[in-house]
Amino acid sequence: MEEKELQQLVEGISRSSFKKDFRHRALFNPRLRTTGGRYMLGSHNIEMNPAQLELFGKEEFIKIIKHELCHYHLHLEGKGYRHQDRDFKKLLEEVGGSRYCKMIPGARRQSGKRHIYVCAGCRAEYVRKRQINVKRFVCGRCKGRLKKTKTFFRENID
């Protein structure tokens, strides 16, 4: 699908499902990784992830377009356009849009870095993804001081 076809598809869905015109641009953004699409508040354009169309098909892609059009129309009307707003949830259900898009395999990279802390009092060991401030936090068992022993990557565990 080319951007011209995407523009026509979005305009058609807007007219049929929302009974309103879509007067801005719909474009593909291949840099999107973890989201199906996004509505740009400043320009009112909609950017779509082409991988969603390729991997999950047109039916799922249309649900994502409806989701973004909910943001678009509610924002232009001055109503609650954010995910947690009642107006957004109600309109999304009415038009049959998807609340969440399907995950693209390999889209989220998990950090393999781990930090190990040991209590000076009871020798309890704590493995954390994020570093902690040892001057501020203490052991949860005995309230002893924590000391960072090492940092490693998850692949090196075994």
Protein backbone atom coordinates (compact mmCIF):
# COMPACT_ATOMS: atom_id res chain seq x y z
CA MET A 1 0.00 0.00 0.00
CA GLU A 2 1.27 3.45 -0.89
CA GLU A 3 0.66 6.69 1.02
CA LYS A 4 -1.94 7.83 -1.51
CA GLU A 5 -3.95 4.64 -0.87
CA LEU A 6 -3.49 5.09 2.89
CA GLN A 7 -4.83 8.65 2.64
CA GLN A 8 -7.92 7.43 0.76
CA LEU A 9 -8.44 4.58 3.23
CA VAL A 10 -8.27 6.91 6.25
CA GLU A 11 -10.64 9.42 4.60
CA GLY A 12 -13.08 6.62 3.76
CA ILE A 13 -13.04 5.17 7.28
CA SER A 14 -13.52 8.65 8.73
CA ARG A 15 -16.60 9.26 6.56
CA SER A 16 -18.15 5.82 7.07
CA SER A 17 -17.45 5.25 10.78
CA PHE A 18 -17.37 8.81 12.17
CA LYS A 19 -19.59 10.65 9.62
CA LYS A 20 -16.91 13.38 9.53
CA ASP A 21 -14.20 14.39 7.08
CA PHE A 22 -10.51 13.80 7.69
CA ARG A 23 -8.87 16.99 6.40
CA HIS A 24 -5.20 16.33 7.21
CA ARG A 25 -2.50 13.90 6.07
CA ALA A 26 -2.13 10.21 6.75
CA LEU A 27 1.38 8.86 6.25
CA PHE A 28 3.48 5.78 6.86
CA ASN A 29 6.29 6.08 9.40
CA PRO A 30 8.59 3.03 9.27
CA ARG A 31 10.50 4.28 12.35
CA LEU A 32 7.53 3.39 14.59
CA ARG A 33 8.42 0.22 16.47
CA THR A 34 6.19 -0.41 19.47
CA THR A 35 3.02 1.36 18.35
CA GLY A 36 0.55 0.84 15.52
CA GLY A 37 0.14 4.51 14.77
CA ARG A 38 0.08 7.96 16.29
CA TYR A 39 -1.93 11.12 16.07
CA MET A 40 0.17 14.28 16.01
CA LEU A 41 -1.43 16.97 18.21
CA GLY A 42 0.37 19.87 16.54
CA SER A 43 -0.11 19.08 12.86
CA HIS A 44 -3.23 16.85 13.22
CA ASN A 45 -1.59 14.31 10.89
CA ILE A 46 -1.77 10.59 11.51
CA GLU A 47 1.31 8.39 11.18
CA MET A 48 0.88 4.66 10.71
CA ASN A 49 3.29 1.77 11.22
CA PRO A 50 3.58 -0.14 7.92
CA ALA A 51 4.77 -3.28 9.76
CA GLN A 52 1.31 -3.64 11.35
CA LEU A 53 -0.27 -3.90 7.90
CA GLU A 54 2.36 -6.34 6.62
CA LEU A 55 2.31 -8.65 9.65
CA PHE A 56 -1.33 -8.61 10.79
CA GLY A 57 -3.36 -7.69 7.70
CA LYS A 58 -5.79 -5.02 6.61
CA GLU A 59 -8.54 -5.82 9.15
CA GLU A 60 -6.25 -5.21 12.13
CA PHE A 61 -4.77 -2.15 10.40
CA ILE A 62 -8.26 -0.62 10.01
CA LYS A 63 -8.87 -1.03 13.75
CA ILE A 64 -5.65 0.92 14.43
CA ILE A 65 -6.75 3.65 12.00
CA LYS A 66 -10.07 3.92 13.86
CA HIS A 67 -8.15 4.28 17.12
CA GLU A 68 -6.09 7.16 15.72
CA LEU A 69 -9.18 8.78 14.19
CA CYS A 70 -10.81 8.74 17.64
CA HIS A 71 -7.88 10.83 18.91
CA TYR A 72 -8.16 13.09 15.85
CA HIS A 73 -11.89 13.84 15.95
CA LEU A 74 -12.14 14.18 19.74
CA HIS A 75 -9.15 16.53 19.86
CA LEU A 76 -10.57 18.77 17.14
CA GLU A 77 -13.93 18.85 18.96
CA GLY A 78 -12.28 19.81 22.25
CA LYS A 79 -13.37 16.62 24.01
CA GLY A 80 -11.32 14.07 25.97
CA TYR A 81 -8.98 12.55 23.38
CA ARG A 82 -6.53 10.76 25.70
CA HIS A 83 -6.61 7.01 26.36
CA GLN A 84 -7.94 7.38 29.89
CA ASP A 85 -10.77 9.79 28.99
CA ARG A 86 -14.36 8.55 29.03
CA ASP A 87 -15.13 10.24 25.67
CA PHE A 88 -12.26 8.36 24.02
CA LYS A 89 -13.22 4.96 25.43
CA LYS A 90 -16.87 5.42 24.47
CA LEU A 91 -16.15 6.51 20.88
CA LEU A 92 -13.56 3.77 20.39
CA GLU A 93 -16.11 1.14 21.41
CA GLU A 94 -18.80 2.65 19.17
CA VAL A 95 -16.66 2.56 16.01
CA GLY A 96 -14.99 -0.78 16.76
CA GLY A 97 -11.39 0.39 17.00
CA SER A 98 -8.71 -1.54 18.84
CA ARG A 99 -7.60 -0.44 22.29
CA TYR A 100 -4.13 -1.96 21.81
CA CYS A 101 -2.26 -3.04 18.71
CA LYS A 102 -0.59 -6.42 18.40
CA MET A 103 3.08 -6.64 19.34
CA ILE A 104 5.58 -6.84 16.51
CA PRO A 105 8.03 -9.66 17.26
CA GLY A 106 11.41 -8.29 18.33
CA ALA A 107 10.16 -4.69 18.56
CA ARG A 108 10.97 -4.25 22.24
CA ARG A 109 14.56 -4.78 23.22
CA GLN A 110 15.03 -5.67 26.84
CA SER A 111 18.13 -4.49 28.57
CA GLY A 112 20.26 -7.37 29.71
CA LYS A 113 22.11 -5.27 32.28
CA ARG A 114 21.75 -6.29 35.95
CA HIS A 115 23.15 -4.80 39.17
CA ILE A 116 23.89 -6.93 42.24
CA TYR A 117 23.76 -5.51 45.76
CA VAL A 118 24.66 -7.36 48.98
CA CYS A 119 23.61 -6.43 52.52
CA ALA A 120 26.55 -5.86 54.89
CA GLY A 121 24.48 -7.21 57.82
CA CYS A 122 22.60 -10.35 56.74
CA ARG A 123 24.40 -10.95 53.39
CA ALA A 124 21.08 -10.90 51.48
CA GLU A 125 21.59 -10.48 47.75
CA TYR A 126 19.49 -8.16 45.56
CA VAL A 127 19.53 -8.29 41.75
CA ARG A 128 18.08 -5.19 40.08
CA LYS A 129 17.59 -3.91 36.53
CA ARG A 130 18.06 -0.32 37.67
CA GLN A 131 20.76 1.07 39.91
CA ILE A 132 19.73 2.10 43.41
CA ASN A 133 21.13 4.80 45.66
CA VAL A 134 22.97 2.86 48.42
CA LYS A 135 23.18 5.99 50.58
CA ARG A 136 19.40 6.26 50.64
CA PHE A 137 18.13 2.66 50.62
CA VAL A 138 18.83 -0.15 53.11
CA CYS A 139 18.22 -3.89 53.31
CA GLY A 140 14.54 -4.83 53.59
CA ARG A 141 15.25 -7.66 56.03
CA CYS A 142 17.63 -6.22 58.62
CA LYS A 143 17.96 -2.51 57.68
CA GLY A 144 21.69 -3.05 57.05
CA ARG A 145 23.77 -1.08 54.53
CA LEU A 146 23.79 -2.22 50.90
CA LYS A 147 26.96 -2.52 48.85
CA LYS A 148 27.08 -2.87 45.08
CA THR A 149 29.15 -5.92 44.19
CA LYS A 150 29.01 -6.07 40.40
CA THR A 151 27.16 -5.26 37.19
CA PHE A 152 26.68 -7.89 34.51
CA PHE A 153 24.71 -8.59 31.35
CA ARG A 154 21.92 -11.12 31.48
CA GLU A 155 23.48 -13.24 28.72
CA ASN A 156 26.45 -13.86 31.07
CA ILE A 157 24.31 -15.36 33.86
CA ASP A 158 24.76 -19.20 33.88
